[in-house]
């Protein structure tokens, strides 16, 4: 059995992947980007472990032995499912390994932006606080979460965890199902317009699809409160970046926290990259999922998926 890990560094070099050697010969590459690179590296593989590398006809056509693609991720939009189905190649993802961490990061960004922590940290460290003659300073207003409306797009595992935390803070939770197929009854399900108009905080947790592409665009941003905080920990293309930049500059919304971007890494000349005001825009480099614990669980999930496949069992297969 030949196993190829195309993006070994995607789970961090501090996390061991030696467990896969139990199944056979393992070849690991630091990173693999292009279809041409993939094609050369998987031509003799039986199992491919990947994250963002393209899994499609161009990259797999000369790899006749591939039987299973394992994702070091929950998302599998790097895979051409129709092509893999035509080849009988199974695709297995890692599920629920980072739910708690993504929810935690959602609130880390929300609280930092809502409480203007960047402003006040700078105020103290600049010497302005030491120079004043009173004990406190609150020149930029900030607000409580309690009593606010927290809107969620995508009530899956992560959305559900975020909803529970928001409730613990005293928020009213509403959600919108992008597909319209949610069976969740724990919170009010609303239409998209209601979600946009009523949310003080709007967090995005939906997978990328034709339904969610540019889910937040110019018209949607206009409907939101000018004090609203938008949080995207889903996929970058769920939000139109130029529309968001314009909304932030014009004050159409209060602030945004982004962990995912349309193009990763972000081009240094992109308008969002040059908007340096961290009180309005907080960007992190796609790390919401990446606690040490979560990355260990991700590797373990891929290990369990391969073990199940070799036993003839279907585990976390997304295209069966």
C-alpha atoms as a PDB file:
ATOM      1  CA  UNK A   1       0.000   0.000   0.000  1.00  0.00           C
ATOM      2  CA  UNK A   2       1.452   3.329  -1.089  1.00  0.00           C
ATOM      3  CA  UNK A   3       0.275   6.439   0.722  1.00  0.00           C
ATOM      4  CA  UNK A   4       1.146   9.961  -0.414  1.00  0.00           C
ATOM      5  CA  UNK A   5       0.705  12.948   1.883  1.00  0.00           C
ATOM      6  CA  UNK A   6       0.629  15.958  -0.417  1.00  0.00           C
ATOM      7  CA  UNK A   7       0.536  18.722   2.205  1.00  0.00           C
ATOM      8  CA  UNK A   8       2.298  17.372   5.253  1.00  0.00           C
ATOM      9  CA  UNK A   9       2.904  20.885   6.645  1.00  0.00           C
ATOM     10  CA  UNK A  10      -0.816  21.704   6.554  1.00  0.00           C
ATOM     11  CA  UNK A  11      -1.165  20.050   9.982  1.00  0.00           C
ATOM     12  CA  UNK A  12       2.083  21.530  11.273  1.00  0.00           C
ATOM     13  CA  UNK A  13       5.515  19.991  11.613  1.00  0.00           C
ATOM     14  CA  UNK A  14       5.004  19.813  15.378  1.00  0.00           C
ATOM     15  CA  UNK A  15       2.322  17.146  14.820  1.00  0.00           C
ATOM     16  CA  UNK A  16       3.489  13.615  14.016  1.00  0.00           C
ATOM     17  CA  UNK A  17       2.126  11.761  10.996  1.00  0.00           C
ATOM     18  CA  UNK A  18       4.093   8.578  11.689  1.00  0.00           C
ATOM     19  CA  UNK A  19       0.854   6.697  12.393  1.00  0.00           C
ATOM     20  CA  UNK A  20       0.237   6.269   8.657  1.00  0.00           C
ATOM     21  CA  UNK A  21       3.326   4.070   8.332  1.00  0.00           C
ATOM     22  CA  UNK A  22       1.235   1.316   9.905  1.00  0.00           C
ATOM     23  CA  UNK A  23      -0.624   1.001   6.605  1.00  0.00           C
ATOM     24  CA  UNK A  24       2.304   0.847   4.207  1.00  0.00           C
ATOM     25  CA  UNK A  25       4.893   2.964   2.429  1.00  0.00           C
ATOM     26  CA  UNK A  26       4.413   6.663   3.134  1.00  0.00           C
ATOM     27  CA  UNK A  27       5.799   9.527   1.051  1.00  0.00           C
ATOM     28  CA  UNK A  28       5.208  13.003   2.449  1.00  0.00           C
ATOM     29  CA  UNK A  29       5.642  16.346   0.693  1.00  0.00           C
ATOM     30  CA  UNK A  30       5.851  19.656   2.504  1.00  0.00           C
ATOM     31  CA  UNK A  31       3.296  21.276   0.185  1.00  0.00           C
ATOM     32  CA  UNK A  32       1.754  20.569  -3.206  1.00  0.00           C
ATOM     33  CA  UNK A  33      -0.042  23.288  -5.131  1.00  0.00           C
ATOM     34  CA  UNK A  34      -0.554  22.620  -8.842  1.00  0.00           C
ATOM     35  CA  UNK A  35      -2.361  19.811 -10.649  1.00  0.00           C
ATOM     36  CA  UNK A  36       0.892  19.023 -12.420  1.00  0.00           C
ATOM     37  CA  UNK A  37       2.698  18.550  -9.101  1.00  0.00           C
ATOM     38  CA  UNK A  38      -0.126  16.372  -7.822  1.00  0.00           C
ATOM     39  CA  UNK A  39      -0.074  14.232 -10.950  1.00  0.00           C
ATOM     40  CA  UNK A  40       3.635  13.542 -10.663  1.00  0.00           C
ATOM     41  CA  UNK A  41       3.498  12.747  -6.966  1.00  0.00           C
ATOM     42  CA  UNK A  42       0.441  10.453  -6.858  1.00  0.00           C
ATOM     43  CA  UNK A  43       0.980   8.410 -10.026  1.00  0.00           C
ATOM     44  CA  UNK A  44       1.840   5.281  -8.020  1.00  0.00           C
ATOM     45  CA  UNK A  45      -0.314   6.018  -4.964  1.00  0.00           C
ATOM     46  CA  UNK A  46      -3.133   3.889  -3.570  1.00  0.00           C
ATOM     47  CA  UNK A  47      -4.232   6.460  -0.986  1.00  0.00           C
ATOM     48  CA  UNK A  48      -3.785  10.235  -1.141  1.00  0.00           C
ATOM     49  CA  UNK A  49      -3.923  12.498   1.911  1.00  0.00           C
ATOM     50  CA  UNK A  50      -4.525  16.122   1.016  1.00  0.00           C
ATOM     51  CA  UNK A  51      -6.007  19.425   2.141  1.00  0.00           C
ATOM     52  CA  UNK A  52      -6.133  21.989  -0.660  1.00  0.00           C
ATOM     53  CA  UNK A  53      -4.323  20.217  -3.531  1.00  0.00           C
ATOM     54  CA  UNK A  54      -6.583  19.822  -6.589  1.00  0.00           C
ATOM     55  CA  UNK A  55      -8.104  16.375  -6.873  1.00  0.00           C
ATOM     56  CA  UNK A  56      -9.496  16.269 -10.391  1.00  0.00           C
ATOM     57  CA  UNK A  57      -9.050  14.613 -13.776  1.00  0.00           C
ATOM     58  CA  UNK A  58      -5.982  16.676 -14.610  1.00  0.00           C
ATOM     59  CA  UNK A  59      -4.209  15.599 -11.422  1.00  0.00           C
ATOM     60  CA  UNK A  60      -5.473  12.001 -11.159  1.00  0.00           C
ATOM     61  CA  UNK A  61      -5.785  10.760 -14.743  1.00  0.00           C
ATOM     62  CA  UNK A  62      -2.341   9.115 -14.673  1.00  0.00           C
ATOM     63  CA  UNK A  63      -2.811   7.632 -11.192  1.00  0.00           C
ATOM     64  CA  UNK A  64      -4.690   4.391 -11.874  1.00  0.00           C
ATOM     65  CA  UNK A  65      -4.275   2.900  -8.398  1.00  0.00           C
ATOM     66  CA  UNK A  66      -5.817   5.674  -6.298  1.00  0.00           C
ATOM     67  CA  UNK A  67      -8.722   4.260  -4.312  1.00  0.00           C
ATOM     68  CA  UNK A  68      -9.134   6.736  -1.468  1.00  0.00           C
ATOM     69  CA  UNK A  69      -8.598  10.459  -0.934  1.00  0.00           C
ATOM     70  CA  UNK A  70      -8.395  11.516   2.719  1.00  0.00           C
ATOM     71  CA  UNK A  71      -8.791  15.161   3.634  1.00  0.00           C
ATOM     72  CA  UNK A  72      -6.793  16.811   6.395  1.00  0.00           C
ATOM     73  CA  UNK A  73      -9.895  19.008   6.630  1.00  0.00           C
ATOM     74  CA  UNK A  74     -13.671  19.050   6.871  1.00  0.00           C
ATOM     75  CA  UNK A  75     -14.071  20.833   3.538  1.00  0.00           C
ATOM     76  CA  UNK A  76     -13.579  18.893   0.329  1.00  0.00           C
ATOM     77  CA  UNK A  77     -14.172  21.549  -2.316  1.00  0.00           C
ATOM     78  CA  UNK A  78     -10.705  20.773  -3.715  1.00  0.00           C
ATOM     79  CA  UNK A  79     -12.143  17.469  -4.982  1.00  0.00           C
ATOM     80  CA  UNK A  80     -14.004  16.983  -8.249  1.00  0.00           C
ATOM     81  CA  UNK A  81     -16.635  14.643  -6.846  1.00  0.00           C
ATOM     82  CA  UNK A  82     -18.119  13.727 -10.211  1.00  0.00           C
ATOM     83  CA  UNK A  83     -14.744  12.676 -11.554  1.00  0.00           C
ATOM     84  CA  UNK A  84     -13.862  10.730  -8.417  1.00  0.00           C
ATOM     85  CA  UNK A  85     -17.213   8.958  -8.587  1.00  0.00           C
ATOM     86  CA  UNK A  86     -16.563   8.006 -12.206  1.00  0.00           C
ATOM     87  CA  UNK A  87     -13.303   6.408 -11.076  1.00  0.00           C
ATOM     88  CA  UNK A  88     -14.754   4.783  -7.971  1.00  0.00           C
ATOM     89  CA  UNK A  89     -12.430   6.859  -5.777  1.00  0.00           C
ATOM     90  CA  UNK A  90     -13.793   7.442  -2.277  1.00  0.00           C
ATOM     91  CA  UNK A  91     -13.345  10.797  -0.548  1.00  0.00           C
ATOM     92  CA  UNK A  92     -13.268  10.896   3.252  1.00  0.00           C
ATOM     93  CA  UNK A  93     -13.089  14.073   5.317  1.00  0.00           C
ATOM     94  CA  UNK A  94     -12.220  14.843   8.934  1.00  0.00           C
ATOM     95  CA  UNK A  95     -15.342  15.714  10.876  1.00  0.00           C
ATOM     96  CA  UNK A  96     -15.930  17.603  14.078  1.00  0.00           C
ATOM     97  CA  UNK A  97     -12.242  17.714  14.987  1.00  0.00           C
ATOM     98  CA  UNK A  98     -12.082  21.502  15.317  1.00  0.00           C
ATOM     99  CA  UNK A  99     -15.638  22.484  16.247  1.00  0.00           C
ATOM    100  CA  UNK A 100     -14.712  23.848  19.665  1.00  0.00           C
ATOM    101  CA  UNK A 101     -11.688  25.734  18.369  1.00  0.00           C
ATOM    102  CA  UNK A 102     -13.529  27.430  15.495  1.00  0.00           C
ATOM    103  CA  UNK A 103     -16.301  28.466  17.870  1.00  0.00           C
ATOM    104  CA  UNK A 104     -13.681  29.780  20.298  1.00  0.00           C
ATOM    105  CA  UNK A 105     -11.977  31.785  17.557  1.00  0.00           C
ATOM    106  CA  UNK A 106     -15.317  33.209  16.440  1.00  0.00           C
ATOM    107  CA  UNK A 107     -15.804  34.704  19.886  1.00  0.00           C
ATOM    108  CA  UNK A 108     -12.167  35.735  20.215  1.00  0.00           C
ATOM    109  CA  UNK A 109     -12.638  37.970  17.175  1.00  0.00           C
ATOM    110  CA  UNK A 110     -16.113  39.117  18.196  1.00  0.00           C
ATOM    111  CA  UNK A 111     -15.047  40.153  21.690  1.00  0.00           C
ATOM    112  CA  UNK A 112     -11.872  41.870  20.528  1.00  0.00           C
ATOM    113  CA  UNK A 113     -13.795  43.939  17.985  1.00  0.00           C
ATOM    114  CA  UNK A 114     -16.835  44.596  20.152  1.00  0.00           C
ATOM    115  CA  UNK A 115     -14.835  45.734  23.178  1.00  0.00           C
ATOM    116  CA  UNK A 116     -12.343  47.782  21.125  1.00  0.00           C
ATOM    117  CA  UNK A 117      -9.447  45.922  22.723  1.00  0.00           C
ATOM    118  CA  UNK A 118      -6.959  47.062  20.095  1.00  0.00           C
ATOM    119  CA  UNK A 119      -7.775  50.701  20.750  1.00  0.00           C
ATOM    120  CA  UNK A 120      -7.448  50.403  24.506  1.00  0.00           C
ATOM    121  CA  UNK A 121      -4.300  48.289  24.422  1.00  0.00           C
ATOM    122  CA  UNK A 122      -2.691  50.916  22.178  1.00  0.00           C
ATOM    123  CA  UNK A 123      -3.969  53.691  24.454  1.00  0.00           C
ATOM    124  CA  UNK A 124      -2.173  52.204  27.456  1.00  0.00           C
ATOM    125  CA  UNK A 125       1.041  51.247  25.660  1.00  0.00           C
ATOM    126  CA  UNK A 126       1.323  54.626  23.926  1.00  0.00           C
ATOM    127  CA  UNK A 127       1.683  56.332  27.298  1.00  0.00           C
ATOM    128  CA  UNK A 128      -1.620  58.174  27.004  1.00  0.00           C
ATOM    129  CA  UNK A 129      -3.080  56.322  29.971  1.00  0.00           C
ATOM    130  CA  UNK A 130      -0.058  57.056  32.152  1.00  0.00           C
ATOM    131  CA  UNK A 131      -0.327  60.726  31.269  1.00  0.00           C
ATOM    132  CA  UNK A 132      -3.958  61.152  32.296  1.00  0.00           C
ATOM    133  CA  UNK A 133      -5.131  62.166  35.759  1.00  0.00           C
ATOM    134  CA  UNK A 134      -8.051  59.750  36.190  1.00  0.00           C
ATOM    135  CA  UNK A 135      -8.186  56.000  36.777  1.00  0.00           C
ATOM    136  CA  UNK A 136     -10.160  54.990  33.694  1.00  0.00           C
ATOM    137  CA  UNK A 137     -10.683  55.769  30.038  1.00  0.00           C
ATOM    138  CA  UNK A 138     -13.519  54.760  27.747  1.00  0.00           C
ATOM    139  CA  UNK A 139     -13.406  57.327  24.969  1.00  0.00           C
ATOM    140  CA  UNK A 140     -14.514  54.804  22.310  1.00  0.00           C
ATOM    141  CA  UNK A 141     -17.870  53.249  23.238  1.00  0.00           C
ATOM    142  CA  UNK A 142     -18.199  49.478  23.569  1.00  0.00           C
ATOM    143  CA  UNK A 143     -21.198  47.317  24.292  1.00  0.00           C
ATOM    144  CA  UNK A 144     -22.368  44.160  26.019  1.00  0.00           C
ATOM    145  CA  UNK A 145     -23.271  40.956  24.218  1.00  0.00           C
ATOM    146  CA  UNK A 146     -26.157  40.399  26.590  1.00  0.00           C
ATOM    147  CA  UNK A 147     -29.442  41.335  24.971  1.00  0.00           C
ATOM    148  CA  UNK A 148     -27.991  41.473  21.452  1.00  0.00           C
ATOM    149  CA  UNK A 149     -29.081  39.327  18.518  1.00  0.00           C
ATOM    150  CA  UNK A 150     -26.539  36.813  17.259  1.00  0.00           C
ATOM    151  CA  UNK A 151     -27.302  35.615  13.737  1.00  0.00           C
ATOM    152  CA  UNK A 152     -25.840  32.457  12.264  1.00  0.00           C
ATOM    153  CA  UNK A 153     -25.659  31.301   8.648  1.00  0.00           C
ATOM    154  CA  UNK A 154     -25.126  27.549   8.687  1.00  0.00           C
ATOM    155  CA  UNK A 155     -26.399  25.636  11.716  1.00  0.00           C
ATOM    156  CA  UNK A 156     -24.106  22.609  11.512  1.00  0.00           C
ATOM    157  CA  UNK A 157     -21.794  21.406  14.272  1.00  0.00           C
ATOM    158  CA  UNK A 158     -19.864  24.668  14.472  1.00  0.00           C
ATOM    159  CA  UNK A 159     -22.916  26.889  14.113  1.00  0.00           C
ATOM    160  CA  UNK A 160     -24.658  24.949  16.863  1.00  0.00           C
ATOM    161  CA  UNK A 161     -21.666  25.333  19.205  1.00  0.00           C
ATOM    162  CA  UNK A 162     -21.523  29.069  18.497  1.00  0.00           C
ATOM    163  CA  UNK A 163     -25.244  29.334  19.215  1.00  0.00           C
ATOM    164  CA  UNK A 164     -24.812  27.743  22.651  1.00  0.00           C
ATOM    165  CA  UNK A 165     -21.955  30.083  23.536  1.00  0.00           C
ATOM    166  CA  UNK A 166     -23.907  33.111  22.310  1.00  0.00           C
ATOM    167  CA  UNK A 167     -26.810  32.079  24.514  1.00  0.00           C
ATOM    168  CA  UNK A 168     -24.446  31.763  27.468  1.00  0.00           C
ATOM    169  CA  UNK A 169     -23.491  35.407  26.879  1.00  0.00           C
ATOM    170  CA  UNK A 170     -27.181  36.320  26.981  1.00  0.00           C
ATOM    171  CA  UNK A 171     -27.702  36.753  23.241  1.00  0.00           C
ATOM    172  CA  UNK A 172     -30.878  36.021  21.341  1.00  0.00           C
ATOM    173  CA  UNK A 173     -29.910  33.537  18.612  1.00  0.00           C
ATOM    174  CA  UNK A 174     -31.461  33.338  15.164  1.00  0.00           C
ATOM    175  CA  UNK A 175     -30.232  31.394  12.153  1.00  0.00           C
ATOM    176  CA  UNK A 176     -30.669  31.021   8.426  1.00  0.00           C
ATOM    177  CA  UNK A 177     -30.260  27.780   6.496  1.00  0.00           C
ATOM    178  CA  UNK A 178     -28.491  28.502   3.214  1.00  0.00           C
ATOM    179  CA  UNK A 179     -29.782  25.247   1.719  1.00  0.00           C
ATOM    180  CA  UNK A 180     -33.212  25.515   3.314  1.00  0.00           C
ATOM    181  CA  UNK A 181     -32.883  21.952   4.594  1.00  0.00           C
ATOM    182  CA  UNK A 182     -31.989  22.511   8.248  1.00  0.00           C
ATOM    183  CA  UNK A 183     -33.995  20.494  10.754  1.00  0.00           C
ATOM    184  CA  UNK A 184     -32.760  22.488  13.752  1.00  0.00           C
ATOM    185  CA  UNK A 185     -35.617  23.555  16.036  1.00  0.00           C
ATOM    186  CA  UNK A 186     -33.570  24.804  18.992  1.00  0.00           C
ATOM    187  CA  UNK A 187     -33.440  28.357  17.619  1.00  0.00           C
ATOM    188  CA  UNK A 188     -35.711  30.452  15.384  1.00  0.00           C
ATOM    189  CA  UNK A 189     -34.996  29.865  11.688  1.00  0.00           C
ATOM    190  CA  UNK A 190     -35.415  33.070   9.683  1.00  0.00           C
ATOM    191  CA  UNK A 191     -35.195  34.164   6.078  1.00  0.00           C
ATOM    192  CA  UNK A 192     -32.056  35.854   4.811  1.00  0.00           C
ATOM    193  CA  UNK A 193     -33.435  39.379   4.965  1.00  0.00           C
ATOM    194  CA  UNK A 194     -34.444  38.960   8.605  1.00  0.00           C
ATOM    195  CA  UNK A 195     -31.023  37.538   9.438  1.00  0.00           C
ATOM    196  CA  UNK A 196     -29.301  40.564   7.919  1.00  0.00           C
ATOM    197  CA  UNK A 197     -31.589  43.221   9.358  1.00  0.00           C
ATOM    198  CA  UNK A 198     -31.812  41.907  12.921  1.00  0.00           C
ATOM    199  CA  UNK A 199     -28.308  40.603  13.639  1.00  0.00           C
ATOM    200  CA  UNK A 200     -25.965  42.599  15.849  1.00  0.00           C
ATOM    201  CA  UNK A 201     -23.394  39.869  15.291  1.00  0.00           C
ATOM    202  CA  UNK A 202     -23.515  37.705  12.169  1.00  0.00           C
ATOM    203  CA  UNK A 203     -21.246  34.668  12.012  1.00  0.00           C
ATOM    204  CA  UNK A 204     -20.873  32.543   8.899  1.00  0.00           C
ATOM    205  CA  UNK A 205     -20.425  28.775   9.211  1.00  0.00           C
ATOM    206  CA  UNK A 206     -21.776  27.444   5.923  1.00  0.00           C
ATOM    207  CA  UNK A 207     -19.779  25.388   3.410  1.00  0.00           C
ATOM    208  CA  UNK A 208     -18.882  26.994   0.094  1.00  0.00           C
ATOM    209  CA  UNK A 209     -21.314  26.127  -2.693  1.00  0.00           C
ATOM    210  CA  UNK A 210     -23.219  27.810  -5.485  1.00  0.00           C
ATOM    211  CA  UNK A 211     -25.790  28.762  -2.846  1.00  0.00           C
ATOM    212  CA  UNK A 212     -23.291  30.388  -0.478  1.00  0.00           C
ATOM    213  CA  UNK A 213     -20.947  32.044  -2.996  1.00  0.00           C
ATOM    214  CA  UNK A 214     -21.064  35.811  -2.303  1.00  0.00           C
ATOM    215  CA  UNK A 215     -23.741  35.161   0.326  1.00  0.00           C
ATOM    216  CA  UNK A 216     -22.688  38.521   1.758  1.00  0.00           C
ATOM    217  CA  UNK A 217     -22.386  41.056  -1.043  1.00  0.00           C
ATOM    218  CA  UNK A 218     -23.031  44.755  -1.546  1.00  0.00           C
ATOM    219  CA  UNK A 219     -26.816  44.586  -1.152  1.00  0.00           C
ATOM    220  CA  UNK A 220     -26.603  42.344   1.913  1.00  0.00           C
ATOM    221  CA  UNK A 221     -24.149  44.685   3.637  1.00  0.00           C
ATOM    222  CA  UNK A 222     -26.510  47.592   3.026  1.00  0.00           C
ATOM    223  CA  UNK A 223     -29.247  45.734   4.897  1.00  0.00           C
ATOM    224  CA  UNK A 224     -27.111  45.164   7.994  1.00  0.00           C
ATOM    225  CA  UNK A 225     -26.994  47.489  10.983  1.00  0.00           C
ATOM    226  CA  UNK A 226     -24.235  50.076  10.846  1.00  0.00           C
ATOM    227  CA  UNK A 227     -23.105  48.764  14.230  1.00  0.00           C
ATOM    228  CA  UNK A 228     -23.148  45.091  13.198  1.00  0.00           C
ATOM    229  CA  UNK A 229     -20.073  42.875  13.426  1.00  0.00           C
ATOM    230  CA  UNK A 230     -19.593  40.318  10.636  1.00  0.00           C
ATOM    231  CA  UNK A 231     -17.531  37.187  11.319  1.00  0.00           C
ATOM    232  CA  UNK A 232     -16.454  34.801   8.586  1.00  0.00           C
ATOM    233  CA  UNK A 233     -14.923  31.490   9.627  1.00  0.00           C
ATOM    234  CA  UNK A 234     -16.535  29.555   6.765  1.00  0.00           C
ATOM    235  CA  UNK A 235     -14.900  30.069   3.367  1.00  0.00           C
ATOM    236  CA  UNK A 236     -13.532  33.318   1.973  1.00  0.00           C
ATOM    237  CA  UNK A 237     -15.759  33.453  -1.087  1.00  0.00           C
ATOM    238  CA  UNK A 238     -18.904  33.461   1.082  1.00  0.00           C
ATOM    239  CA  UNK A 239     -18.187  37.204   1.442  1.00  0.00           C
ATOM    240  CA  UNK A 240     -17.466  39.552  -1.455  1.00  0.00           C
ATOM    241  CA  UNK A 241     -14.242  41.172  -0.308  1.00  0.00           C
ATOM    242  CA  UNK A 242     -14.476  44.398  -2.297  1.00  0.00           C
ATOM    243  CA  UNK A 243     -18.035  44.951  -1.123  1.00  0.00           C
ATOM    244  CA  UNK A 244     -16.902  44.370   2.459  1.00  0.00           C
ATOM    245  CA  UNK A 245     -14.020  46.816   2.104  1.00  0.00           C
ATOM    246  CA  UNK A 246     -16.372  49.500   0.816  1.00  0.00           C
ATOM    247  CA  UNK A 247     -18.865  48.821   3.610  1.00  0.00           C
ATOM    248  CA  UNK A 248     -16.173  49.118   6.268  1.00  0.00           C
ATOM    249  CA  UNK A 249     -14.722  52.328   4.848  1.00  0.00           C
ATOM    250  CA  UNK A 250     -18.155  53.931   4.467  1.00  0.00           C
ATOM    251  CA  UNK A 251     -19.364  52.787   7.870  1.00  0.00           C
ATOM    252  CA  UNK A 252     -22.205  50.646   6.541  1.00  0.00           C
ATOM    253  CA  UNK A 253     -21.278  48.023   9.140  1.00  0.00           C
ATOM    254  CA  UNK A 254     -19.390  48.349  12.397  1.00  0.00           C
ATOM    255  CA  UNK A 255     -16.585  45.838  11.996  1.00  0.00           C
ATOM    256  CA  UNK A 256     -15.565  42.494  10.522  1.00  0.00           C
ATOM    257  CA  UNK A 257     -13.457  39.568  11.625  1.00  0.00           C
ATOM    258  CA  UNK A 258     -12.129  37.258   8.922  1.00  0.00           C
ATOM    259  CA  UNK A 259     -10.242  34.007   9.269  1.00  0.00           C
ATOM    260  CA  UNK A 260     -10.808  32.966   5.648  1.00  0.00           C
ATOM    261  CA  UNK A 261     -10.220  34.858   2.414  1.00  0.00           C
ATOM    262  CA  UNK A 262     -11.100  34.581  -1.267  1.00  0.00           C
ATOM    263  CA  UNK A 263      -7.428  33.989  -2.091  1.00  0.00           C
ATOM    264  CA  UNK A 264      -5.070  32.562   0.486  1.00  0.00           C
ATOM    265  CA  UNK A 265      -2.632  33.952   1.327  1.00  0.00           C
ATOM    266  CA  UNK A 266      -4.014  37.463   0.946  1.00  0.00           C
ATOM    267  CA  UNK A 267      -2.326  39.627  -1.682  1.00  0.00           C
ATOM    268  CA  UNK A 268      -0.457  42.374   0.161  1.00  0.00           C
ATOM    269  CA  UNK A 269      -1.963  44.967  -2.203  1.00  0.00           C
ATOM    270  CA  UNK A 270      -5.564  43.883  -1.656  1.00  0.00           C
ATOM    271  CA  UNK A 271      -7.674  46.689  -0.167  1.00  0.00           C
ATOM    272  CA  UNK A 272      -8.436  44.569   2.902  1.00  0.00           C
ATOM    273  CA  UNK A 273      -4.698  44.118   3.473  1.00  0.00           C
ATOM    274  CA  UNK A 274      -4.081  47.858   3.444  1.00  0.00           C
ATOM    275  CA  UNK A 275      -6.975  48.656   5.781  1.00  0.00           C
ATOM    276  CA  UNK A 276      -4.849  48.788   8.925  1.00  0.00           C
ATOM    277  CA  UNK A 277      -7.551  49.767  11.418  1.00  0.00           C
ATOM    278  CA  UNK A 278      -7.804  46.680  13.635  1.00  0.00           C
ATOM    279  CA  UNK A 279     -10.766  48.216  15.453  1.00  0.00           C
ATOM    280  CA  UNK A 280     -12.790  47.793  12.266  1.00  0.00           C
ATOM    281  CA  UNK A 281     -11.132  44.820  10.591  1.00  0.00           C
ATOM    282  CA  UNK A 282      -9.406  41.838  12.131  1.00  0.00           C
ATOM    283  CA  UNK A 283      -7.849  39.242   9.814  1.00  0.00           C
ATOM    284  CA  UNK A 284      -6.229  36.000  10.927  1.00  0.00           C
ATOM    285  CA  UNK A 285      -4.426  33.592   8.541  1.00  0.00           C
ATOM    286  CA  UNK A 286      -6.928  30.714   8.344  1.00  0.00           C
ATOM    287  CA  UNK A 287      -6.035  29.409  11.792  1.00  0.00           C
ATOM    288  CA  UNK A 288      -9.397  29.098  13.543  1.00  0.00           C
ATOM    289  CA  UNK A 289      -9.196  25.324  13.191  1.00  0.00           C
ATOM    290  CA  UNK A 290      -5.542  24.966  14.112  1.00  0.00           C
ATOM    291  CA  UNK A 291      -5.100  24.531  17.851  1.00  0.00           C
ATOM    292  CA  UNK A 292      -2.556  21.862  18.753  1.00  0.00           C
ATOM    293  CA  UNK A 293      -5.358  19.626  20.003  1.00  0.00           C
ATOM    294  CA  UNK A 294      -7.427  20.067  16.855  1.00  0.00           C
ATOM    295  CA  UNK A 295      -4.513  19.296  14.538  1.00  0.00           C
ATOM    296  CA  UNK A 296      -3.797  16.100  16.463  1.00  0.00           C
ATOM    297  CA  UNK A 297      -7.451  15.127  16.125  1.00  0.00           C
ATOM    298  CA  UNK A 298      -7.337  15.904  12.393  1.00  0.00           C
ATOM    299  CA  UNK A 299      -4.467  13.474  11.843  1.00  0.00           C
ATOM    300  CA  UNK A 300      -6.219  10.869  13.977  1.00  0.00           C
ATOM    301  CA  UNK A 301      -9.415  11.271  11.959  1.00  0.00           C
ATOM    302  CA  UNK A 302      -7.533  10.632   8.715  1.00  0.00           C
ATOM    303  CA  UNK A 303      -5.890   7.596  10.324  1.00  0.00           C
ATOM    304  CA  UNK A 304      -9.277   6.218  11.394  1.00  0.00           C
ATOM    305  CA  UNK A 305     -10.735   6.870   7.945  1.00  0.00           C
ATOM    306  CA  UNK A 306      -7.963   4.864   6.275  1.00  0.00           C
ATOM    307  CA  UNK A 307      -8.210   2.052   8.811  1.00  0.00           C
ATOM    308  CA  UNK A 308     -11.946   1.787   8.218  1.00  0.00           C
ATOM    309  CA  UNK A 309     -11.509   1.835   4.437  1.00  0.00           C
ATOM    310  CA  UNK A 310      -8.996  -1.000   4.586  1.00  0.00           C
ATOM    311  CA  UNK A 311     -11.476  -3.000   6.673  1.00  0.00           C
ATOM    312  CA  UNK A 312     -14.075  -2.469   3.969  1.00  0.00           C
ATOM    313  CA  UNK A 313     -16.044  -0.001   6.063  1.00  0.00           C
ATOM    314  CA  UNK A 314     -17.328   3.452   5.112  1.00  0.00           C
ATOM    315  CA  UNK A 315     -16.256   6.142   7.555  1.00  0.00           C
ATOM    316  CA  UNK A 316     -16.735   9.856   6.869  1.00  0.00           C
ATOM    317  CA  UNK A 317     -17.047   9.129   3.146  1.00  0.00           C
ATOM    318  CA  UNK A 318     -18.660  12.113   1.425  1.00  0.00           C
ATOM    319  CA  UNK A 319     -19.312  10.631  -2.026  1.00  0.00           C
ATOM    320  CA  UNK A 320     -20.688   7.162  -1.343  1.00  0.00           C
END
